[in-house]
């Protein structure tokens, strides 16, 4: 116990003697005197040294302390006295203030442009949603038309198939009929033609209920050639009419129908007009398609129906494609205020060295060189509070990973890709400026910083005067 008290007393006496030895300095002994290095010196690896920098920003990495280079504008980092550093803080402060003022001007204009972009995005969203709603209604109407036309085409194809089958059956029956009547016609064709008087005598000697008709036929046979007379005789056996008889019947039909020709022509005109009316209506409304759907298949124009079917089917496909595109578009994250909405379907290019880089937000990023094209990555998402765009799963590097790209976004007065780098193998980094990143809160932050720097600058001027 006594030993401990003695040691304390000796320490107090020693400290008191140190103070008395330097009467000119009322301040306590420095850390260096006590063997303790100043905070932030090179003895603190990884730390930071805070320059006094009156009139400028006080910050420096501790590894640069007492390295023989004047890093602090006031030279406080070289406190060991080996290097004498001039005080340039006021000059550096003025340069920093001017730089900050220019940045504030850019941000003020950029904030205005950003608001315009957001308003345009809002209008585009309203327009696209209205288009999507209209397309969905149109798709419903066109879908019904396509369904009706599909049924009409099916009926036409069925009718066509049945007609072909009927024609085949008719042709087969006619062939069988010809095969049956062939021998008789051949036998008749070998009969020696007779004179008119002999034929009349032969028919007069035969008892037949059709004598009077045959006599009438005999009267019309006068003046016929031997060949025509033979055909007339054969027709009486086979029941087939000769060319002369056909002409007579056609003439008789013409005489009978001559009185009703005008009425038939008018009826045909009415049918054509009605048909044409339907063809016009098919292009107008679905109701007209219903009228057409209820019409007899035989009255429809197959070519016109198939054309309408092809046209409306193609139109339906286009509508479905556009609906799919808009629906997929609305699934993306366009920012807190949809400020990146206008980036959709846009690409930004940069020509650098021998390559052309093409970045398409919400899609992909590519590198083009000559005739080759390399996929740097497919769109993934925004990162770092919408200050970064991420693209991954690009083309595989030889014996390496898949390529990927990070695009850093900064405030600028126009949207442009300004730089592309490959910091490590298959890892790409780009810089893009855009008004969308000119944020109000960042502008206020810069304004406050400028005010603070102005105050520090004034303090520096007052310090110099003293």
Protein backbone atom coordinates (compact mmCIF):
# COMPACT_ATOMS: atom_id res chain seq x y z
CA UNK A 1 0.00 0.00 0.00
CA UNK A 2 2.76 2.39 0.89
CA UNK A 3 4.62 1.44 -2.28
CA UNK A 4 1.58 2.30 -4.43
CA UNK A 5 1.18 5.72 -2.80
CA UNK A 6 4.86 6.45 -3.32
CA UNK A 7 4.65 5.65 -7.03
CA UNK A 8 1.64 7.95 -7.42
CA UNK A 9 3.44 10.76 -5.65
CA UNK A 10 6.49 10.34 -7.86
CA UNK A 11 4.26 10.52 -11.01
CA UNK A 12 2.63 13.72 -9.80
CA UNK A 13 5.97 15.30 -9.02
CA UNK A 14 7.36 14.26 -12.43
CA UNK A 15 4.35 15.71 -14.30
CA UNK A 16 4.61 18.96 -12.28
CA UNK A 17 8.30 19.34 -13.14
CA UNK A 18 7.52 18.91 -16.86
CA UNK A 19 5.03 21.76 -16.70
CA UNK A 20 7.47 24.05 -14.91
CA UNK A 21 10.18 23.27 -17.46
CA UNK A 22 8.16 24.94 -20.26
CA UNK A 23 6.59 28.09 -18.86
CA UNK A 24 6.10 29.52 -22.36
CA UNK A 25 3.57 26.81 -23.21
CA UNK A 26 0.55 26.70 -20.90
CA UNK A 27 -0.96 23.82 -22.93
CA UNK A 28 -0.58 20.22 -21.77
CA UNK A 29 2.13 18.02 -23.31
CA UNK A 30 1.40 16.76 -26.84
CA UNK A 31 0.71 13.16 -27.72
CA UNK A 32 4.05 12.98 -29.48
CA UNK A 33 5.86 14.00 -26.31
CA UNK A 34 4.14 11.25 -24.39
CA UNK A 35 4.98 8.77 -27.19
CA UNK A 36 1.37 8.65 -28.51
CA UNK A 37 1.00 9.33 -32.32
CA UNK A 38 -1.64 11.91 -33.35
CA UNK A 39 -5.06 10.54 -34.33
CA UNK A 40 -5.27 9.84 -38.05
CA UNK A 41 -1.51 9.64 -38.64
CA UNK A 42 0.27 6.93 -40.57
CA UNK A 43 0.44 4.98 -37.34
CA UNK A 44 -3.32 4.32 -37.78
CA UNK A 45 -3.52 2.15 -40.93
CA UNK A 46 -6.87 2.32 -42.69
CA UNK A 47 -7.88 5.41 -40.70
CA UNK A 48 -8.55 8.93 -41.89
CA UNK A 49 -6.65 12.12 -41.10
CA UNK A 50 -8.77 15.23 -40.72
CA UNK A 51 -7.03 18.28 -42.12
CA UNK A 52 -7.84 21.61 -40.54
CA UNK A 53 -8.20 22.99 -44.10
CA UNK A 54 -9.75 26.26 -42.99
CA UNK A 55 -11.70 27.33 -46.06
CA UNK A 56 -11.85 23.89 -47.63
CA UNK A 57 -12.91 20.27 -46.95
CA UNK A 58 -10.95 18.58 -44.13
CA UNK A 59 -10.45 14.94 -45.17
CA UNK A 60 -7.44 12.77 -46.01
CA UNK A 61 -6.48 9.09 -45.85
CA UNK A 62 -4.05 8.43 -42.99
CA UNK A 63 -1.62 6.60 -45.28
CA UNK A 64 -0.72 9.96 -46.82
CA UNK A 65 0.31 11.60 -43.55
CA UNK A 66 4.00 12.65 -43.34
CA UNK A 67 4.74 11.13 -46.75
CA UNK A 68 6.58 14.24 -47.97
CA UNK A 69 3.64 15.39 -50.12
CA UNK A 70 1.39 18.26 -49.16
CA UNK A 71 -2.04 16.67 -49.42
CA UNK A 72 -3.93 18.98 -47.08
CA UNK A 73 -4.30 22.45 -48.55
CA UNK A 74 -3.06 23.90 -45.25
CA UNK A 75 -0.15 21.45 -45.02
CA UNK A 76 -1.29 20.03 -41.68
CA UNK A 77 -0.70 16.45 -42.91
CA UNK A 78 3.06 17.09 -42.94
CA UNK A 79 3.33 18.10 -39.28
CA UNK A 80 6.76 16.49 -38.78
CA UNK A 81 8.30 19.59 -40.36
CA UNK A 82 10.30 17.77 -43.03
CA UNK A 83 8.29 19.49 -45.75
CA UNK A 84 7.06 23.07 -45.63
CA UNK A 85 3.61 23.31 -47.23
CA UNK A 86 1.96 26.58 -48.33
CA UNK A 87 -1.65 27.21 -47.35
CA UNK A 88 -3.83 27.02 -50.52
CA UNK A 89 -7.15 26.36 -48.83
CA UNK A 90 -8.82 29.59 -49.85
CA UNK A 91 -7.91 29.06 -53.49
CA UNK A 92 -8.99 25.40 -53.43
CA UNK A 93 -12.15 26.36 -51.61
CA UNK A 94 -13.09 28.85 -54.32
CA UNK A 95 -12.56 26.23 -57.04
CA UNK A 96 -14.68 23.71 -55.13
CA UNK A 97 -17.43 26.28 -54.61
CA UNK A 98 -17.52 27.16 -58.32
CA UNK A 99 -17.67 23.48 -59.22
CA UNK A 100 -20.53 22.95 -56.81
CA UNK A 101 -22.38 25.96 -58.22
CA UNK A 102 -22.18 24.51 -61.72
CA UNK A 103 -23.46 21.19 -60.45
CA UNK A 104 -26.38 22.94 -58.76
CA UNK A 105 -27.22 24.73 -62.03
CA UNK A 106 -27.24 21.37 -63.85
CA UNK A 107 -29.44 19.84 -61.17
CA UNK A 108 -31.89 22.75 -61.23
CA UNK A 109 -32.38 22.39 -64.99
CA UNK A 110 -32.32 18.60 -64.71
CA UNK A 111 -35.03 18.61 -62.04
CA UNK A 112 -37.28 20.58 -64.41
CA UNK A 113 -36.55 18.14 -67.24
CA UNK A 114 -37.23 15.21 -64.93
CA UNK A 115 -40.67 16.60 -64.09
CA UNK A 116 -41.39 16.89 -67.82
CA UNK A 117 -40.30 13.27 -68.34
CA UNK A 118 -42.63 12.15 -65.55
CA UNK A 119 -45.57 14.07 -67.05
CA UNK A 120 -44.88 12.56 -70.47
CA UNK A 121 -44.68 9.13 -68.86
CA UNK A 122 -48.06 9.67 -67.18
CA UNK A 123 -49.66 10.60 -70.50
CA UNK A 124 -48.04 7.61 -72.20
CA UNK A 125 -49.37 5.28 -69.51
CA UNK A 126 -52.89 6.66 -69.92
CA UNK A 127 -52.61 6.30 -73.68
CA UNK A 128 -51.30 2.73 -73.51
CA UNK A 129 -53.97 1.68 -71.02
CA UNK A 130 -56.68 3.18 -73.24
CA UNK A 131 -55.20 1.32 -76.22
CA UNK A 132 -55.14 -1.93 -74.26
CA UNK A 133 -58.78 -1.50 -73.25
CA UNK A 134 -59.82 -0.75 -76.84
CA UNK A 135 -57.80 -3.71 -78.14
CA UNK A 136 -59.47 -6.07 -75.70
CA UNK A 137 -62.92 -4.94 -76.89
CA UNK A 138 -61.86 -5.14 -80.52
CA UNK A 139 -60.39 -8.57 -79.91
CA UNK A 140 -63.74 -9.78 -78.56
CA UNK A 141 -65.60 -8.49 -81.64
CA UNK A 142 -63.05 -9.76 -84.16
CA UNK A 143 -62.88 -13.07 -82.33
CA UNK A 144 -66.61 -13.55 -82.85
CA UNK A 145 -66.27 -12.68 -86.54
CA UNK A 146 -63.44 -15.16 -86.94
CA UNK A 147 -65.52 -17.84 -85.24
CA UNK A 148 -68.44 -17.17 -87.59
CA UNK A 149 -66.19 -17.13 -90.64
CA UNK A 150 -64.55 -20.34 -89.47
CA UNK A 151 -67.95 -22.00 -89.41
CA UNK A 152 -68.78 -20.63 -92.85
CA UNK A 153 -65.50 -21.91 -94.25
CA UNK A 154 -66.19 -25.30 -92.67
CA UNK A 155 -69.61 -25.42 -94.33
CA UNK A 156 -68.14 -24.39 -97.66
CA UNK A 157 -65.49 -27.08 -97.45
CA UNK A 158 -68.11 -29.64 -96.47
CA UNK A 159 -70.33 -28.56 -99.38
CA UNK A 160 -67.38 -28.72 -101.73
CA UNK A 161 -66.48 -32.19 -100.50
CA UNK A 162 -70.08 -33.43 -100.88
CA UNK A 163 -70.25 -31.96 -104.38
CA UNK A 164 -67.08 -33.75 -105.38
CA UNK A 165 -68.44 -37.00 -104.01
CA UNK A 166 -71.71 -36.53 -105.93
CA UNK A 167 -69.79 -35.80 -109.11
CA UNK A 168 -67.72 -38.94 -108.63
CA UNK A 169 -70.88 -41.05 -108.11
CA UNK A 170 -72.57 -39.46 -111.13
CA UNK A 171 -69.51 -40.09 -113.28
CA UNK A 172 -69.37 -43.69 -112.13
CA UNK A 173 -73.07 -44.23 -112.86
CA UNK A 174 -72.70 -42.65 -116.29
CA UNK A 175 -69.79 -44.94 -117.01
CA UNK A 176 -71.85 -47.99 -116.02
CA UNK A 177 -74.77 -46.75 -118.14
CA UNK A 178 -72.51 -46.27 -121.13
CA UNK A 179 -71.08 -49.74 -120.69
CA UNK A 180 -74.62 -51.22 -120.64
CA UNK A 181 -75.91 -49.29 -123.68
CA UNK A 182 -72.73 -49.66 -125.68
CA UNK A 183 -73.43 -53.03 -127.45
CA UNK A 184 -76.92 -51.98 -128.59
CA UNK A 185 -75.57 -48.74 -130.04
CA UNK A 186 -72.85 -50.68 -131.81
CA UNK A 187 -75.44 -53.08 -133.25
CA UNK A 188 -77.69 -50.23 -134.37
CA UNK A 189 -74.79 -48.46 -135.99
CA UNK A 190 -74.20 -51.56 -138.13
CA UNK A 191 -77.81 -51.64 -139.52
CA UNK A 192 -78.04 -50.65 -143.16
CA UNK A 193 -79.85 -47.33 -143.43
CA UNK A 194 -83.24 -47.61 -145.01
CA UNK A 195 -85.13 -45.38 -147.35
CA UNK A 196 -87.84 -43.25 -145.95
CA UNK A 197 -90.66 -45.20 -147.58
CA UNK A 198 -89.34 -48.55 -146.35
CA UNK A 199 -89.01 -47.28 -142.81
CA UNK A 200 -92.57 -45.97 -142.87
CA UNK A 201 -93.87 -49.31 -144.12
CA UNK A 202 -92.00 -51.20 -141.40
CA UNK A 203 -93.35 -48.95 -138.60
CA UNK A 204 -96.86 -49.05 -140.10
CA UNK A 205 -96.81 -52.89 -139.99
CA UNK A 206 -95.98 -52.83 -136.27
CA UNK A 207 -98.76 -52.39 -133.74
CA UNK A 208 -97.63 -49.76 -131.28
CA UNK A 209 -99.45 -47.31 -129.02
CA UNK A 210 -97.10 -44.55 -130.20
CA UNK A 211 -97.93 -44.81 -133.93
CA UNK A 212 -99.16 -41.25 -134.19
CA UNK A 213 -95.97 -39.89 -132.58
CA UNK A 214 -93.86 -42.02 -134.87
CA UNK A 215 -95.78 -40.71 -137.89
CA UNK A 216 -95.09 -37.21 -136.74
CA UNK A 217 -91.45 -38.21 -136.46
CA UNK A 218 -91.57 -39.68 -139.97
CA UNK A 219 -92.89 -36.43 -141.36
CA UNK A 220 -89.97 -34.60 -139.78
CA UNK A 221 -87.52 -37.16 -141.20
CA UNK A 222 -88.02 -36.02 -144.75
CA UNK A 223 -84.90 -34.50 -146.25
CA UNK A 224 -82.53 -36.17 -143.73
CA UNK A 225 -79.26 -37.72 -144.84
CA UNK A 226 -78.67 -41.45 -144.60
CA UNK A 227 -76.53 -40.93 -141.48
CA UNK A 228 -79.16 -38.77 -139.78
CA UNK A 229 -81.88 -41.20 -140.75
CA UNK A 230 -79.90 -44.08 -139.17
CA UNK A 231 -79.48 -42.07 -135.97
CA UNK A 232 -83.22 -41.39 -135.92
CA UNK A 233 -83.99 -45.11 -136.18
CA UNK A 234 -81.47 -45.94 -133.48
CA UNK A 235 -82.93 -43.34 -131.18
CA UNK A 236 -86.31 -45.01 -131.35
CA UNK A 237 -84.72 -48.17 -130.00
CA UNK A 238 -82.41 -46.65 -127.39
CA UNK A 239 -84.55 -43.71 -126.30
CA UNK A 240 -81.71 -41.19 -126.96
CA UNK A 241 -82.41 -38.04 -128.93
CA UNK A 242 -80.56 -37.09 -132.05
CA UNK A 243 -79.02 -33.70 -132.64
CA UNK A 244 -82.03 -32.66 -134.74
CA UNK A 245 -84.42 -33.62 -131.97
CA UNK A 246 -82.36 -31.73 -129.43
CA UNK A 247 -82.50 -28.62 -131.61
CA UNK A 248 -86.26 -28.98 -131.98
CA UNK A 249 -86.77 -29.38 -128.24
CA UNK A 250 -84.45 -26.44 -127.49
CA UNK A 251 -86.38 -24.35 -129.99
CA UNK A 252 -89.67 -25.33 -128.38
CA UNK A 253 -88.31 -24.50 -124.92
CA UNK A 254 -87.10 -21.17 -126.15
CA UNK A 255 -90.52 -20.42 -127.58
CA UNK A 256 -92.17 -21.38 -124.30
CA UNK A 257 -89.77 -19.51 -122.07
CA UNK A 258 -89.47 -16.47 -124.28
CA UNK A 259 -92.40 -14.84 -122.57
CA UNK A 260 -90.86 -15.24 -119.08
CA UNK A 261 -87.28 -14.27 -119.97
CA UNK A 262 -87.53 -10.74 -118.67
CA UNK A 263 -88.93 -11.87 -115.35
CA UNK A 264 -86.12 -14.42 -114.94
CA UNK A 265 -83.49 -11.80 -115.78
CA UNK A 266 -84.92 -9.43 -113.21
CA UNK A 267 -84.92 -12.21 -110.60
CA UNK A 268 -81.25 -12.97 -111.37
CA UNK A 269 -80.41 -9.30 -111.00
CA UNK A 270 -82.16 -9.23 -107.64
CA UNK A 271 -80.18 -12.27 -106.46
CA UNK A 272 -76.90 -10.70 -107.56
CA UNK A 273 -77.79 -7.44 -105.84
CA UNK A 274 -78.65 -9.28 -102.65
CA UNK A 275 -75.41 -11.26 -102.86
CA UNK A 276 -73.36 -8.14 -103.44
CA UNK A 277 -75.12 -6.50 -100.55
CA UNK A 278 -74.04 -9.32 -98.26
CA UNK A 279 -70.45 -9.07 -99.43
CA UNK A 280 -70.46 -5.39 -98.59
CA UNK A 281 -72.03 -5.97 -95.20
CA UNK A 282 -69.50 -8.65 -94.25
CA UNK A 283 -66.89 -5.96 -93.98
CA UNK A 284 -68.96 -3.71 -91.76
CA UNK A 285 -70.42 -5.36 -88.66
CA UNK A 286 -70.79 -8.65 -86.87
CA UNK A 287 -74.55 -8.54 -87.31
CA UNK A 288 -74.13 -8.72 -91.05
CA UNK A 289 -71.94 -11.75 -90.54
CA UNK A 290 -74.83 -13.33 -88.69
CA UNK A 291 -77.08 -12.64 -91.71
CA UNK A 292 -74.46 -14.14 -93.96
CA UNK A 293 -74.07 -17.08 -91.61
CA UNK A 294 -77.77 -17.90 -91.95
CA UNK A 295 -77.71 -17.79 -95.77
CA UNK A 296 -77.66 -20.99 -97.85
CA UNK A 297 -74.10 -22.13 -98.49
CA UNK A 298 -74.76 -22.47 -102.22
CA UNK A 299 -75.46 -18.71 -102.45
CA UNK A 300 -72.12 -17.72 -100.86
CA UNK A 301 -68.95 -16.69 -102.69
CA UNK A 302 -66.40 -19.19 -101.41
CA UNK A 303 -63.39 -17.16 -102.52
CA UNK A 304 -64.69 -14.01 -100.87
CA UNK A 305 -65.50 -15.83 -97.63
CA UNK A 306 -62.04 -17.38 -97.48
CA UNK A 307 -60.46 -13.99 -98.16
CA UNK A 308 -62.45 -12.42 -95.34
CA UNK A 309 -61.46 -15.32 -93.10
CA UNK A 310 -57.76 -14.87 -93.86
CA UNK A 311 -57.93 -11.07 -93.38
CA UNK A 312 -59.72 -11.21 -90.04
CA UNK A 313 -57.58 -14.08 -88.79
CA UNK A 314 -54.46 -12.02 -89.52
CA UNK A 315 -56.02 -9.01 -87.83
CA UNK A 316 -56.85 -11.10 -84.76
CA UNK A 317 -53.25 -12.31 -84.61
CA UNK A 318 -51.97 -8.70 -84.72
CA UNK A 319 -54.36 -7.69 -81.95
CA UNK A 320 -53.25 -10.60 -79.75
CA UNK A 321 -49.61 -9.69 -80.33
CA UNK A 322 -50.16 -6.06 -79.34
CA UNK A 323 -52.18 -7.02 -76.27
CA UNK A 324 -49.40 -9.38 -75.19
CA UNK A 325 -46.81 -6.63 -75.67
CA UNK A 326 -48.73 -4.06 -73.63
CA UNK A 327 -49.57 -6.56 -70.89
CA UNK A 328 -45.92 -7.53 -70.57
CA UNK A 329 -44.90 -3.88 -70.54
CA UNK A 330 -47.08 -3.06 -67.54
CA UNK A 331 -45.41 -5.83 -65.52
CA UNK A 332 -42.09 -3.94 -65.33
CA UNK A 333 -40.93 -1.69 -62.51
CA UNK A 334 -40.52 1.81 -63.95
CA UNK A 335 -39.58 3.59 -60.74
CA UNK A 336 -41.42 5.20 -57.85
CA UNK A 337 -43.11 7.71 -60.15
CA UNK A 338 -42.90 5.60 -63.33
CA UNK A 339 -40.11 7.96 -64.36
CA UNK A 340 -38.40 5.29 -66.48
CA UNK A 341 -41.56 4.42 -68.45
CA UNK A 342 -40.32 6.20 -71.59
CA UNK A 343 -37.15 4.04 -71.54
CA UNK A 344 -39.25 1.10 -72.71
CA UNK A 345 -38.63 0.25 -76.40
CA UNK A 346 -35.68 2.65 -76.43
CA UNK A 347 -32.00 1.82 -76.95
CA UNK A 348 -28.89 3.91 -76.29
CA UNK A 349 -25.71 3.45 -78.31
CA UNK A 350 -22.08 4.32 -77.71
CA UNK A 351 -19.27 3.99 -80.24
CA UNK A 352 -16.03 3.37 -78.41
CA UNK A 353 -12.76 2.06 -79.86
CA UNK A 354 -13.68 -0.56 -82.47
CA UNK A 355 -17.01 -1.52 -80.90
CA UNK A 356 -20.55 -0.18 -80.81
CA UNK A 357 -22.35 -0.77 -77.53
CA UNK A 358 -26.14 -0.88 -77.50
CA UNK A 359 -28.02 -0.78 -74.21
CA UNK A 360 -31.77 -1.38 -74.30
CA UNK A 361 -33.39 -1.02 -70.84
CA UNK A 362 -35.95 -3.76 -70.03
CA UNK A 363 -34.50 -5.88 -72.84
CA UNK A 364 -30.74 -6.50 -73.27
CA UNK A 365 -27.29 -5.03 -73.90
CA UNK A 366 -25.02 -5.95 -76.82
CA UNK A 367 -21.56 -5.29 -78.17
CA UNK A 368 -21.12 -5.11 -81.94
CA UNK A 369 -17.80 -5.36 -83.71
CA UNK A 370 -17.59 -5.87 -87.46
CA UNK A 371 -19.97 -8.68 -88.37
CA UNK A 372 -20.06 -10.20 -84.88
CA UNK A 373 -22.41 -9.42 -82.02
CA UNK A 374 -21.94 -10.31 -78.36
CA UNK A 375 -24.68 -10.37 -75.76
CA UNK A 376 -23.43 -8.57 -72.66
CA UNK A 377 -26.52 -9.46 -70.67
CA UNK A 378 -30.30 -9.60 -70.44
CA UNK A 379 -32.30 -7.13 -68.41
CA UNK A 380 -32.80 -8.03 -64.75
CA UNK A 381 -33.76 -5.02 -62.65
CA UNK A 382 -32.83 -1.66 -61.20
CA UNK A 383 -30.49 -1.50 -58.24
CA UNK A 384 -29.17 0.97 -55.68
CA UNK A 385 -32.42 2.94 -55.45
CA UNK A 386 -32.83 3.19 -59.26
CA UNK A 387 -29.24 4.44 -59.70
CA UNK A 388 -28.10 1.23 -61.37
CA UNK A 389 -29.32 -1.01 -64.20
CA UNK A 390 -28.38 -4.69 -64.09
CA UNK A 391 -27.95 -7.03 -67.08
CA UNK A 392 -26.91 -10.67 -66.55
CA UNK A 393 -26.74 -14.07 -68.32
CA UNK A 394 -24.90 -12.77 -71.38
CA UNK A 395 -22.78 -14.84 -73.73
CA UNK A 396 -20.33 -17.15 -72.00
CA UNK A 397 -16.66 -16.11 -72.01
CA UNK A 398 -14.11 -18.66 -73.16
CA UNK A 399 -13.25 -20.62 -70.04
CA UNK A 400 -14.95 -17.96 -67.99
CA UNK A 401 -18.26 -16.81 -66.54
CA UNK A 402 -21.30 -15.41 -68.30
CA UNK A 403 -20.97 -11.80 -69.31
CA UNK A 404 -22.86 -9.21 -67.27
CA UNK A 405 -23.18 -5.44 -67.26
CA UNK A 406 -23.83 -2.75 -64.67
CA UNK A 407 -24.94 0.67 -65.89
CA UNK A 408 -24.50 3.49 -63.38
CA UNK A 409 -27.00 6.31 -63.75
CA UNK A 410 -26.06 9.94 -63.09
CA UNK A 411 -27.81 13.29 -63.38
CA UNK A 412 -27.44 14.90 -66.80
CA UNK A 413 -29.38 17.24 -69.07
CA UNK A 414 -29.89 14.54 -71.72
CA UNK A 415 -30.03 10.77 -71.71
CA UNK A 416 -26.85 9.35 -73.19
CA UNK A 417 -24.42 6.50 -72.75
CA UNK A 418 -21.01 8.08 -72.13
CA UNK A 419 -18.61 5.31 -71.20
CA UNK A 420 -18.02 1.57 -71.25
CA UNK A 421 -15.33 -0.32 -69.37
CA UNK A 422 -14.37 -3.90 -68.54
CA UNK A 423 -12.90 -3.69 -65.01
CA UNK A 424 -12.52 -7.45 -64.85
CA UNK A 425 -12.86 -10.31 -67.28
CA UNK A 426 -16.40 -10.57 -68.72
CA UNK A 427 -17.63 -7.94 -66.26
CA UNK A 428 -18.68 -4.69 -67.93
CA UNK A 429 -19.47 -1.30 -66.43
CA UNK A 430 -21.10 1.66 -68.19
CA UNK A 431 -22.07 5.20 -67.29
CA UNK A 432 -25.29 6.84 -68.41
CA UNK A 433 -26.46 10.39 -67.80
CA UNK A 434 -30.16 11.24 -67.69
CA UNK A 435 -32.42 13.99 -66.28
CA UNK A 436 -34.35 11.27 -64.45
CA UNK A 437 -31.52 11.08 -61.90
CA UNK A 438 -31.69 14.82 -61.16
CA UNK A 439 -33.54 14.52 -57.86
CA UNK A 440 -35.00 17.33 -55.78
CA UNK A 441 -33.54 15.98 -52.54
CA UNK A 442 -30.06 15.84 -54.06
CA UNK A 443 -30.42 19.43 -55.22
CA UNK A 444 -31.32 20.53 -51.70
CA UNK A 445 -28.35 18.62 -50.35
CA UNK A 446 -25.99 20.47 -52.72
CA UNK A 447 -27.50 23.80 -51.78
CA UNK A 448 -26.89 23.15 -48.10
CA UNK A 449 -23.35 22.05 -48.85
CA UNK A 450 -22.71 25.24 -50.81
CA UNK A 451 -23.96 27.32 -47.93
CA UNK A 452 -21.65 25.47 -45.55
CA UNK A 453 -18.67 25.87 -47.88
CA UNK A 454 -19.32 29.59 -48.17
CA UNK A 455 -19.27 29.85 -44.39
CA UNK A 456 -15.98 27.93 -44.21
CA UNK A 457 -14.56 30.17 -46.91
CA UNK A 458 -15.44 33.25 -44.89
CA UNK A 459 -13.81 31.74 -41.82
CA UNK A 460 -10.66 31.13 -43.83
CA UNK A 461 -10.55 34.71 -45.01
CA UNK A 462 -10.98 35.97 -41.44
CA UNK A 463 -8.23 33.57 -40.26
CA UNK A 464 -5.83 34.93 -42.87
CA UNK A 465 -6.55 38.50 -41.82
CA UNK A 466 -5.72 37.61 -38.24
